[in-house]
């Protein structure tokens, strides 16, 4: 996608993934899984903002691909630490909570 197509929340998430990636890799390599999970959890505000402000399935294929690619980067980052599909939201944000 062209730079002008990116939403601010999209750029913020990309920067946070770039920031957290090395921290997560280093912690995982040392077996410091609590530290790795903490680094991963620090992405939550950027992820929440992304889903609140960005239409991932944009009608423009190039924009949609870029946004899905960003989510794939997050998935790849997290996959070495936790199965993201198994995560559950608890508390007031949970459905019916």
PDB file of N, CA and C in Angstrom:
ATOM      1  N   UNK A   1       0.836  -1.186   0.000  1.00  0.00           N
ATOM      2  CA  UNK A   1       0.000   0.000   0.000  1.00  0.00           C
ATOM      3  C   UNK A   1       0.878   1.246   0.000  1.00  0.00           C
ATOM      4  N   UNK A   2       0.363   2.295  -0.547  1.00  0.00           N
ATOM      5  CA  UNK A   2       1.102   3.548  -0.542  1.00  0.00           C
ATOM      6  C   UNK A   2       1.118   4.118   0.866  1.00  0.00           C
ATOM      7  N   UNK A   3       2.139   4.892   1.193  1.00  0.00           N
ATOM      8  CA  UNK A   3       2.278   5.465   2.530  1.00  0.00           C
ATOM      9  C   UNK A   3       1.041   6.274   2.915  1.00  0.00           C
ATOM     10  N   UNK A   4       0.441   6.963   1.960  1.00  0.00           N
ATOM     11  CA  UNK A   4      -0.731   7.767   2.249  1.00  0.00           C
ATOM     12  C   UNK A   4      -1.961   6.962   2.622  1.00  0.00           C
ATOM     13  N   UNK A   5      -1.940   5.662   2.364  1.00  0.00           N
ATOM     14  CA  UNK A   5      -3.079   4.813   2.689  1.00  0.00           C
ATOM     15  C   UNK A   5      -3.074   4.350   4.144  1.00  0.00           C
ATOM     16  N   UNK A   6      -1.956   4.490   4.832  1.00  0.00           N
ATOM     17  CA  UNK A   6      -1.839   3.993   6.200  1.00  0.00           C
ATOM     18  C   UNK A   6      -2.564   4.920   7.170  1.00  0.00           C
ATOM     19  N   UNK A   7      -3.313   4.328   8.071  1.00  0.00           N
ATOM     20  CA  UNK A   7      -3.959   5.060   9.151  1.00  0.00           C
ATOM     21  C   UNK A   7      -2.924   5.268  10.255  1.00  0.00           C
ATOM     22  N   UNK A   8      -3.068   6.322  11.081  1.00  0.00           N
ATOM     23  CA  UNK A   8      -2.117   6.517  12.180  1.00  0.00           C
ATOM     24  C   UNK A   8      -2.001   5.292  13.096  1.00  0.00           C
ATOM     25  N   UNK A   9      -3.110   4.641  13.389  1.00  0.00           N
ATOM     26  CA  UNK A   9      -3.080   3.467  14.266  1.00  0.00           C
ATOM     27  C   UNK A   9      -2.319   2.312  13.629  1.00  0.00           C
ATOM     28  N   UNK A  10      -2.336   2.261  12.316  1.00  0.00           N
ATOM     29  CA  UNK A  10      -1.607   1.224  11.578  1.00  0.00           C
ATOM     30  C   UNK A  10      -0.099   1.430  11.733  1.00  0.00           C
ATOM     31  N   UNK A  11       0.340   2.659  11.556  1.00  0.00           N
ATOM     32  CA  UNK A  11       1.755   2.982  11.734  1.00  0.00           C
ATOM     33  C   UNK A  11       2.207   2.778  13.166  1.00  0.00           C
ATOM     34  N   UNK A  12       1.343   3.137  14.115  1.00  0.00           N
ATOM     35  CA  UNK A  12       1.688   2.965  15.528  1.00  0.00           C
ATOM     36  C   UNK A  12       1.879   1.489  15.863  1.00  0.00           C
ATOM     37  N   UNK A  13       1.011   0.631  15.345  1.00  0.00           N
ATOM     38  CA  UNK A  13       1.148  -0.802  15.608  1.00  0.00           C
ATOM     39  C   UNK A  13       2.423  -1.337  14.965  1.00  0.00           C
ATOM     40  N   UNK A  14       2.728  -0.915  13.759  1.00  0.00           N
ATOM     41  CA  UNK A  14       3.952  -1.366  13.088  1.00  0.00           C
ATOM     42  C   UNK A  14       5.184  -0.967  13.899  1.00  0.00           C
ATOM     43  N   UNK A  15       5.203   0.264  14.410  1.00  0.00           N
ATOM     44  CA  UNK A  15       6.345   0.718  15.221  1.00  0.00           C
ATOM     45  C   UNK A  15       6.454  -0.080  16.513  1.00  0.00           C
ATOM     46  N   UNK A  16       5.331  -0.382  17.143  1.00  0.00           N
ATOM     47  CA  UNK A  16       5.353  -1.161  18.385  1.00  0.00           C
ATOM     48  C   UNK A  16       5.838  -2.588  18.130  1.00  0.00           C
ATOM     49  N   UNK A  17       5.422  -3.175  17.026  1.00  0.00           N
ATOM     50  CA  UNK A  17       5.904  -4.520  16.675  1.00  0.00           C
ATOM     51  C   UNK A  17       7.413  -4.478  16.452  1.00  0.00           C
ATOM     52  N   UNK A  18       7.898  -3.438  15.777  1.00  0.00           N
ATOM     53  CA  UNK A  18       9.340  -3.287  15.560  1.00  0.00           C
ATOM     54  C   UNK A  18      10.083  -3.123  16.887  1.00  0.00           C
ATOM     55  N   UNK A  19       9.483  -2.414  17.835  1.00  0.00           N
ATOM     56  CA  UNK A  19      10.109  -2.182  19.136  1.00  0.00           C
ATOM     57  C   UNK A  19      10.139  -3.460  19.964  1.00  0.00           C
ATOM     58  N   UNK A  20       9.030  -4.184  19.977  1.00  0.00           N
ATOM     59  CA  UNK A  20       8.884  -5.343  20.853  1.00  0.00           C
ATOM     60  C   UNK A  20       9.589  -6.582  20.301  1.00  0.00           C
ATOM     61  N   UNK A  21       9.709  -6.693  18.995  1.00  0.00           N
ATOM     62  CA  UNK A  21      10.306  -7.885  18.392  1.00  0.00           C
ATOM     63  C   UNK A  21      11.633  -8.306  18.995  1.00  0.00           C
ATOM     64  N   UNK A  22      12.623  -7.399  19.040  1.00  0.00           N
ATOM     65  CA  UNK A  22      13.917  -7.784  19.615  1.00  0.00           C
ATOM     66  C   UNK A  22      13.832  -8.125  21.103  1.00  0.00           C
ATOM     67  N   UNK A  23      12.992  -7.405  21.855  1.00  0.00           N
ATOM     68  CA  UNK A  23      12.828  -7.702  23.283  1.00  0.00           C
ATOM     69  C   UNK A  23      12.259  -9.099  23.471  1.00  0.00           C
ATOM     70  N   UNK A  24      11.260  -9.415  22.677  1.00  0.00           N
ATOM     71  CA  UNK A  24      10.598 -10.715  22.758  1.00  0.00           C
ATOM     72  C   UNK A  24      11.558 -11.836  22.377  1.00  0.00           C
ATOM     73  N   UNK A  25      12.291 -11.648  21.309  1.00  0.00           N
ATOM     74  CA  UNK A  25      13.248 -12.665  20.862  1.00  0.00           C
ATOM     75  C   UNK A  25      14.324 -12.905  21.909  1.00  0.00           C
ATOM     76  N   UNK A  26      14.846 -11.825  22.473  1.00  0.00           N
ATOM     77  CA  UNK A  26      15.886 -11.948  23.489  1.00  0.00           C
ATOM     78  C   UNK A  26      15.389 -12.662  24.729  1.00  0.00           C
ATOM     79  N   UNK A  27      14.201 -12.296  25.188  1.00  0.00           N
ATOM     80  CA  UNK A  27      13.636 -12.928  26.376  1.00  0.00           C
ATOM     81  C   UNK A  27      13.363 -14.404  26.122  1.00  0.00           C
ATOM     82  N   UNK A  28      12.807 -14.728  24.976  1.00  0.00           N
ATOM     83  CA  UNK A  28      12.503 -16.124  24.651  1.00  0.00           C
ATOM     84  C   UNK A  28      13.786 -16.945  24.555  1.00  0.00           C
ATOM     85  N   UNK A  29      14.834 -16.360  23.977  1.00  0.00           N
ATOM     86  CA  UNK A  29      16.108 -17.074  23.841  1.00  0.00           C
ATOM     87  C   UNK A  29      16.713 -17.404  25.202  1.00  0.00           C
ATOM     88  N   UNK A  30      16.457 -16.542  26.190  1.00  0.00           N
ATOM     89  CA  UNK A  30      16.963 -16.777  27.545  1.00  0.00           C
ATOM     90  C   UNK A  30      16.024 -17.647  28.370  1.00  0.00           C
ATOM     91  N   UNK A  31      14.866 -17.981  27.812  1.00  0.00           N
ATOM     92  CA  UNK A  31      13.880 -18.752  28.560  1.00  0.00           C
ATOM     93  C   UNK A  31      13.124 -17.904  29.570  1.00  0.00           C
ATOM     94  N   UNK A  32      13.177 -16.583  29.401  1.00  0.00           N
ATOM     95  CA  UNK A  32      12.501 -15.652  30.306  1.00  0.00           C
ATOM     96  C   UNK A  32      11.088 -15.411  29.779  1.00  0.00           C
ATOM     97  N   UNK A  33      10.236 -16.409  29.941  1.00  0.00           N
ATOM     98  CA  UNK A  33       8.914 -16.351  29.325  1.00  0.00           C
ATOM     99  C   UNK A  33       7.998 -15.321  29.965  1.00  0.00           C
ATOM    100  N   UNK A  34       8.141 -15.065  31.259  1.00  0.00           N
ATOM    101  CA  UNK A  34       7.334 -14.015  31.888  1.00  0.00           C
ATOM    102  C   UNK A  34       7.684 -12.661  31.272  1.00  0.00           C
ATOM    103  N   UNK A  35       8.970 -12.426  31.050  1.00  0.00           N
ATOM    104  CA  UNK A  35       9.418 -11.187  30.408  1.00  0.00           C
ATOM    105  C   UNK A  35       8.904 -11.112  28.967  1.00  0.00           C
ATOM    106  N   UNK A  36       8.947 -12.236  28.265  1.00  0.00           N
ATOM    107  CA  UNK A  36       8.465 -12.277  26.886  1.00  0.00           C
ATOM    108  C   UNK A  36       6.968 -11.987  26.834  1.00  0.00           C
ATOM    109  N   UNK A  37       6.207 -12.586  27.743  1.00  0.00           N
ATOM    110  CA  UNK A  37       4.761 -12.340  27.775  1.00  0.00           C
ATOM    111  C   UNK A  37       4.460 -10.893  28.130  1.00  0.00           C
ATOM    112  N   UNK A  38       5.247 -10.323  29.021  1.00  0.00           N
ATOM    113  CA  UNK A  38       5.065  -8.920  29.379  1.00  0.00           C
ATOM    114  C   UNK A  38       5.323  -8.021  28.168  1.00  0.00           C
ATOM    115  N   UNK A  39       6.376  -8.328  27.417  1.00  0.00           N
ATOM    116  CA  UNK A  39       6.674  -7.557  26.200  1.00  0.00           C
ATOM    117  C   UNK A  39       5.532  -7.688  25.197  1.00  0.00           C
ATOM    118  N   UNK A  40       5.027  -8.906  25.050  1.00  0.00           N
ATOM    119  CA  UNK A  40       3.916  -9.144  24.130  1.00  0.00           C
ATOM    120  C   UNK A  40       2.669  -8.386  24.588  1.00  0.00           C
ATOM    121  N   UNK A  41       2.401  -8.425  25.888  1.00  0.00           N
ATOM    122  CA  UNK A  41       1.226  -7.739  26.437  1.00  0.00           C
ATOM    123  C   UNK A  41       1.319  -6.231  26.257  1.00  0.00           C
ATOM    124  N   UNK A  42       2.532  -5.696  26.176  1.00  0.00           N
ATOM    125  CA  UNK A  42       2.686  -4.249  26.004  1.00  0.00           C
ATOM    126  C   UNK A  42       2.146  -3.771  24.653  1.00  0.00           C
ATOM    127  N   UNK A  43       1.890  -4.707  23.747  1.00  0.00           N
ATOM    128  CA  UNK A  43       1.318  -4.358  22.443  1.00  0.00           C
ATOM    129  C   UNK A  43      -0.192  -4.117  22.504  1.00  0.00           C
ATOM    130  N   UNK A  44      -0.819  -4.492  23.596  1.00  0.00           N
ATOM    131  CA  UNK A  44      -2.285  -4.429  23.651  1.00  0.00           C
ATOM    132  C   UNK A  44      -2.863  -3.054  23.312  1.00  0.00           C
ATOM    133  N   UNK A  45      -2.355  -1.956  23.884  1.00  0.00           N
ATOM    134  CA  UNK A  45      -2.951  -0.659  23.519  1.00  0.00           C
ATOM    135  C   UNK A  45      -2.888  -0.376  22.016  1.00  0.00           C
ATOM    136  N   UNK A  46      -1.772  -0.708  21.384  1.00  0.00           N
ATOM    137  CA  UNK A  46      -1.637  -0.465  19.941  1.00  0.00           C
ATOM    138  C   UNK A  46      -2.558  -1.385  19.146  1.00  0.00           C
ATOM    139  N   UNK A  47      -2.723  -2.621  19.610  1.00  0.00           N
ATOM    140  CA  UNK A  47      -3.622  -3.559  18.926  1.00  0.00           C
ATOM    141  C   UNK A  47      -5.070  -3.124  19.096  1.00  0.00           C
ATOM    142  N   UNK A  48      -5.444  -2.734  20.319  1.00  0.00           N
ATOM    143  CA  UNK A  48      -6.808  -2.247  20.552  1.00  0.00           C
ATOM    144  C   UNK A  48      -7.106  -1.041  19.667  1.00  0.00           C
ATOM    145  N   UNK A  49      -6.165  -0.094  19.612  1.00  0.00           N
ATOM    146  CA  UNK A  49      -6.365   1.106  18.792  1.00  0.00           C
ATOM    147  C   UNK A  49      -6.494   0.732  17.318  1.00  0.00           C
ATOM    148  N   UNK A  50      -5.650  -0.204  16.868  1.00  0.00           N
ATOM    149  CA  UNK A  50      -5.697  -0.645  15.476  1.00  0.00           C
ATOM    150  C   UNK A  50      -7.094  -1.153  15.129  1.00  0.00           C
ATOM    151  N   UNK A  51      -7.639  -2.048  15.958  1.00  0.00           N
ATOM    152  CA  UNK A  51      -8.950  -2.613  15.639  1.00  0.00           C
ATOM    153  C   UNK A  51     -10.086  -1.618  15.846  1.00  0.00           C
ATOM    154  N   UNK A  52      -9.887  -0.621  16.717  1.00  0.00           N
ATOM    155  CA  UNK A  52     -10.902   0.415  16.906  1.00  0.00           C
ATOM    156  C   UNK A  52     -10.937   1.402  15.738  1.00  0.00           C
ATOM    157  N   UNK A  53      -9.782   1.665  15.121  1.00  0.00           N
ATOM    158  CA  UNK A  53      -9.681   2.754  14.147  1.00  0.00           C
ATOM    159  C   UNK A  53      -9.453   2.330  12.701  1.00  0.00           C
ATOM    160  N   UNK A  54      -9.105   1.065  12.468  1.00  0.00           N
ATOM    161  CA  UNK A  54      -8.701   0.643  11.127  1.00  0.00           C
ATOM    162  C   UNK A  54      -9.652  -0.420  10.582  1.00  0.00           C
ATOM    163  N   UNK A  55     -10.075  -0.245   9.349  1.00  0.00           N
ATOM    164  CA  UNK A  55     -10.853  -1.267   8.652  1.00  0.00           C
ATOM    165  C   UNK A  55      -9.859  -2.184   7.956  1.00  0.00           C
ATOM    166  N   UNK A  56      -9.641  -3.359   8.546  1.00  0.00           N
ATOM    167  CA  UNK A  56      -8.643  -4.283   8.000  1.00  0.00           C
ATOM    168  C   UNK A  56      -9.030  -4.719   6.593  1.00  0.00           C
ATOM    169  N   UNK A  57     -10.271  -5.092   6.400  1.00  0.00           N
ATOM    170  CA  UNK A  57     -10.723  -5.627   5.114  1.00  0.00           C
ATOM    171  C   UNK A  57     -11.156  -4.501   4.178  1.00  0.00           C
ATOM    172  N   UNK A  58     -10.249  -3.560   3.966  1.00  0.00           N
ATOM    173  CA  UNK A  58     -10.473  -2.428   3.076  1.00  0.00           C
ATOM    174  C   UNK A  58     -10.836  -2.933   1.680  1.00  0.00           C
ATOM    175  N   UNK A  59     -11.656  -2.174   0.966  1.00  0.00           N
ATOM    176  CA  UNK A  59     -12.051  -2.588  -0.389  1.00  0.00           C
ATOM    177  C   UNK A  59     -10.882  -2.560  -1.363  1.00  0.00           C
ATOM    178  N   UNK A  60      -9.848  -1.778  -1.057  1.00  0.00           N
ATOM    179  CA  UNK A  60      -8.653  -1.722  -1.907  1.00  0.00           C
ATOM    180  C   UNK A  60      -7.746  -2.898  -1.540  1.00  0.00           C
ATOM    181  N   UNK A  61      -7.524  -3.782  -2.486  1.00  0.00           N
ATOM    182  CA  UNK A  61      -6.770  -5.015  -2.225  1.00  0.00           C
ATOM    183  C   UNK A  61      -5.377  -4.741  -1.673  1.00  0.00           C
ATOM    184  N   UNK A  62      -4.690  -3.739  -2.195  1.00  0.00           N
ATOM    185  CA  UNK A  62      -3.323  -3.466  -1.732  1.00  0.00           C
ATOM    186  C   UNK A  62      -3.309  -3.012  -0.275  1.00  0.00           C
ATOM    187  N   UNK A  63      -4.301  -2.232   0.117  1.00  0.00           N
ATOM    188  CA  UNK A  63      -4.402  -1.769   1.506  1.00  0.00           C
ATOM    189  C   UNK A  63      -4.760  -2.944   2.409  1.00  0.00           C
ATOM    190  N   UNK A  64      -5.717  -3.740   1.966  1.00  0.00           N
ATOM    191  CA  UNK A  64      -6.135  -4.930   2.728  1.00  0.00           C
ATOM    192  C   UNK A  64      -4.951  -5.872   2.946  1.00  0.00           C
ATOM    193  N   UNK A  65      -4.177  -6.117   1.888  1.00  0.00           N
ATOM    194  CA  UNK A  65      -2.998  -7.000   2.002  1.00  0.00           C
ATOM    195  C   UNK A  65      -1.988  -6.448   2.999  1.00  0.00           C
ATOM    196  N   UNK A  66      -1.749  -5.148   2.956  1.00  0.00           N
ATOM    197  CA  UNK A  66      -0.792  -4.529   3.880  1.00  0.00           C
ATOM    198  C   UNK A  66      -1.261  -4.680   5.324  1.00  0.00           C
ATOM    199  N   UNK A  67      -2.544  -4.496   5.555  1.00  0.00           N
ATOM    200  CA  UNK A  67      -3.079  -4.597   6.917  1.00  0.00           C
ATOM    201  C   UNK A  67      -3.080  -6.037   7.411  1.00  0.00           C
ATOM    202  N   UNK A  68      -3.422  -6.958   6.543  1.00  0.00           N
ATOM    203  CA  UNK A  68      -3.346  -8.375   6.917  1.00  0.00           C
ATOM    204  C   UNK A  68      -1.894  -8.779   7.152  1.00  0.00           C
ATOM    205  N   UNK A  69      -0.991  -8.203   6.381  1.00  0.00           N
ATOM    206  CA  UNK A  69       0.433  -8.470   6.577  1.00  0.00           C
ATOM    207  C   UNK A  69       0.927  -7.985   7.929  1.00  0.00           C
ATOM    208  N   UNK A  70       0.432  -6.839   8.367  1.00  0.00           N
ATOM    209  CA  UNK A  70       0.791  -6.320   9.683  1.00  0.00           C
ATOM    210  C   UNK A  70       0.303  -7.265  10.777  1.00  0.00           C
ATOM    211  N   UNK A  71      -0.917  -7.753  10.635  1.00  0.00           N
ATOM    212  CA  UNK A  71      -1.443  -8.715  11.612  1.00  0.00           C
ATOM    213  C   UNK A  71      -0.663 -10.020  11.568  1.00  0.00           C
ATOM    214  N   UNK A  72      -0.210 -10.417  10.394  1.00  0.00           N
ATOM    215  CA  UNK A  72       0.609 -11.628  10.275  1.00  0.00           C
ATOM    216  C   UNK A  72       1.948 -11.438  10.986  1.00  0.00           C
ATOM    217  N   UNK A  73       2.493 -10.222  10.940  1.00  0.00           N
ATOM    218  CA  UNK A  73       3.737  -9.941  11.674  1.00  0.00           C
ATOM    219  C   UNK A  73       3.522 -10.124  13.168  1.00  0.00           C
ATOM    220  N   UNK A  74       2.397  -9.632  13.676  1.00  0.00           N
ATOM    221  CA  UNK A  74       2.093  -9.815  15.094  1.00  0.00           C
ATOM    222  C   UNK A  74       1.953 -11.299  15.418  1.00  0.00           C
ATOM    223  N   UNK A  75       1.232 -12.019  14.579  1.00  0.00           N
ATOM    224  CA  UNK A  75       1.028 -13.451  14.799  1.00  0.00           C
ATOM    225  C   UNK A  75       2.364 -14.188  14.829  1.00  0.00           C
ATOM    226  N   UNK A  76       3.239 -13.859  13.896  1.00  0.00           N
ATOM    227  CA  UNK A  76       4.553 -14.509  13.838  1.00  0.00           C
ATOM    228  C   UNK A  76       5.372 -14.194  15.087  1.00  0.00           C
ATOM    229  N   UNK A  77       5.295 -12.949  15.529  1.00  0.00           N
ATOM    230  CA  UNK A  77       6.015 -12.523  16.724  1.00  0.00           C
ATOM    231  C   UNK A  77       5.533 -13.295  17.950  1.00  0.00           C
ATOM    232  N   UNK A  78       4.224 -13.422  18.072  1.00  0.00           N
ATOM    233  CA  UNK A  78       3.634 -14.060  19.247  1.00  0.00           C
ATOM    234  C   UNK A  78       3.714 -15.576  19.205  1.00  0.00           C
ATOM    235  N   UNK A  79       3.735 -16.137  18.030  1.00  0.00           N
ATOM    236  CA  UNK A  79       3.634 -17.595  17.873  1.00  0.00           C
ATOM    237  C   UNK A  79       4.706 -18.364  18.636  1.00  0.00           C
ATOM    238  N   UNK A  80       5.898 -17.797  18.752  1.00  0.00           N
ATOM    239  CA  UNK A  80       6.965 -18.481  19.472  1.00  0.00           C
ATOM    240  C   UNK A  80       6.762 -18.502  20.973  1.00  0.00           C
ATOM    241  N   UNK A  81       5.832 -17.702  21.476  1.00  0.00           N
ATOM    242  CA  UNK A  81       5.616 -17.586  22.912  1.00  0.00           C
ATOM    243  C   UNK A  81       4.284 -18.184  23.335  1.00  0.00           C
ATOM    244  N   UNK A  82       3.239 -17.909  22.563  1.00  0.00           N
ATOM    245  CA  UNK A  82       1.889 -18.283  22.978  1.00  0.00           C
ATOM    246  C   UNK A  82       1.042 -18.540  21.736  1.00  0.00           C
ATOM    247  N   UNK A  83       0.088 -19.446  21.871  1.00  0.00           N
ATOM    248  CA  UNK A  83      -0.879 -19.680  20.796  1.00  0.00           C
ATOM    249  C   UNK A  83      -1.969 -18.629  20.944  1.00  0.00           C
ATOM    250  N   UNK A  84      -1.901 -17.586  20.122  1.00  0.00           N
ATOM    251  CA  UNK A  84      -2.813 -16.453  20.232  1.00  0.00           C
ATOM    252  C   UNK A  84      -4.272 -16.894  20.116  1.00  0.00           C
ATOM    253  N   UNK A  85      -4.543 -17.941  19.374  1.00  0.00           N
ATOM    254  CA  UNK A  85      -5.919 -18.425  19.215  1.00  0.00           C
ATOM    255  C   UNK A  85      -6.502 -18.913  20.534  1.00  0.00           C
ATOM    256  N   UNK A  86      -5.644 -19.253  21.489  1.00  0.00           N
ATOM    257  CA  UNK A  86      -6.113 -19.753  22.776  1.00  0.00           C
ATOM    258  C   UNK A  86      -6.321 -18.650  23.806  1.00  0.00           C
ATOM    259  N   UNK A  87      -5.958 -17.406  23.482  1.00  0.00           N
ATOM    260  CA  UNK A  87      -6.121 -16.311  24.430  1.00  0.00           C
ATOM    261  C   UNK A  87      -7.588 -15.945  24.564  1.00  0.00           C
ATOM    262  N   UNK A  88      -7.983 -15.592  25.768  1.00  0.00           N
ATOM    263  CA  UNK A  88      -9.354 -15.158  26.030  1.00  0.00           C
ATOM    264  C   UNK A  88      -9.304 -13.825  26.756  1.00  0.00           C
ATOM    265  N   UNK A  89     -10.240 -12.962  26.452  1.00  0.00           N
ATOM    266  CA  UNK A  89     -10.346 -11.683  27.136  1.00  0.00           C
ATOM    267  C   UNK A  89     -11.270 -11.871  28.321  1.00  0.00           C
ATOM    268  N   UNK A  90     -10.810 -11.423  29.483  1.00  0.00           N
ATOM    269  CA  UNK A  90     -11.631 -11.505  30.681  1.00  0.00           C
ATOM    270  C   UNK A  90     -11.912 -10.099  31.162  1.00  0.00           C
ATOM    271  N   UNK A  91     -12.971  -9.954  31.922  1.00  0.00           N
ATOM    272  CA  UNK A  91     -13.275  -8.659  32.492  1.00  0.00           C
ATOM    273  C   UNK A  91     -14.283  -7.896  31.663  1.00  0.00           C
ATOM    274  N   UNK A  92     -14.322  -6.573  31.845  1.00  0.00           N
ATOM    275  CA  UNK A  92     -15.372  -5.760  31.228  1.00  0.00           C
ATOM    276  C   UNK A  92     -15.387  -5.759  29.711  1.00  0.00           C
ATOM    277  N   UNK A  93     -14.267  -6.059  29.051  1.00  0.00           N
ATOM    278  CA  UNK A  93     -14.249  -6.061  27.584  1.00  0.00           C
ATOM    279  C   UNK A  93     -14.810  -7.352  27.007  1.00  0.00           C
ATOM    280  N   UNK A  94     -14.943  -8.396  27.843  1.00  0.00           N
ATOM    281  CA  UNK A  94     -15.450  -9.684  27.358  1.00  0.00           C
ATOM    282  C   UNK A  94     -16.941  -9.579  27.068  1.00  0.00           C
ATOM    283  N   UNK A  95     -17.399 -10.327  26.072  1.00  0.00           N
ATOM    284  CA  UNK A  95     -18.827 -10.342  25.729  1.00  0.00           C
ATOM    285  C   UNK A  95     -19.619 -10.833  26.929  1.00  0.00           C
ATOM    286  N   UNK A  96     -20.645 -10.093  27.269  1.00  0.00           N
ATOM    287  CA  UNK A  96     -21.489 -10.482  28.393  1.00  0.00           C
ATOM    288  C   UNK A  96     -20.849 -10.206  29.737  1.00  0.00           C
ATOM    289  N   UNK A  97     -19.663  -9.556  29.729  1.00  0.00           N
ATOM    290  CA  UNK A  97     -18.916  -9.354  30.957  1.00  0.00           C
ATOM    291  C   UNK A  97     -19.305  -8.119  31.633  1.00  0.00           C
TER     292      UNK A  97
END
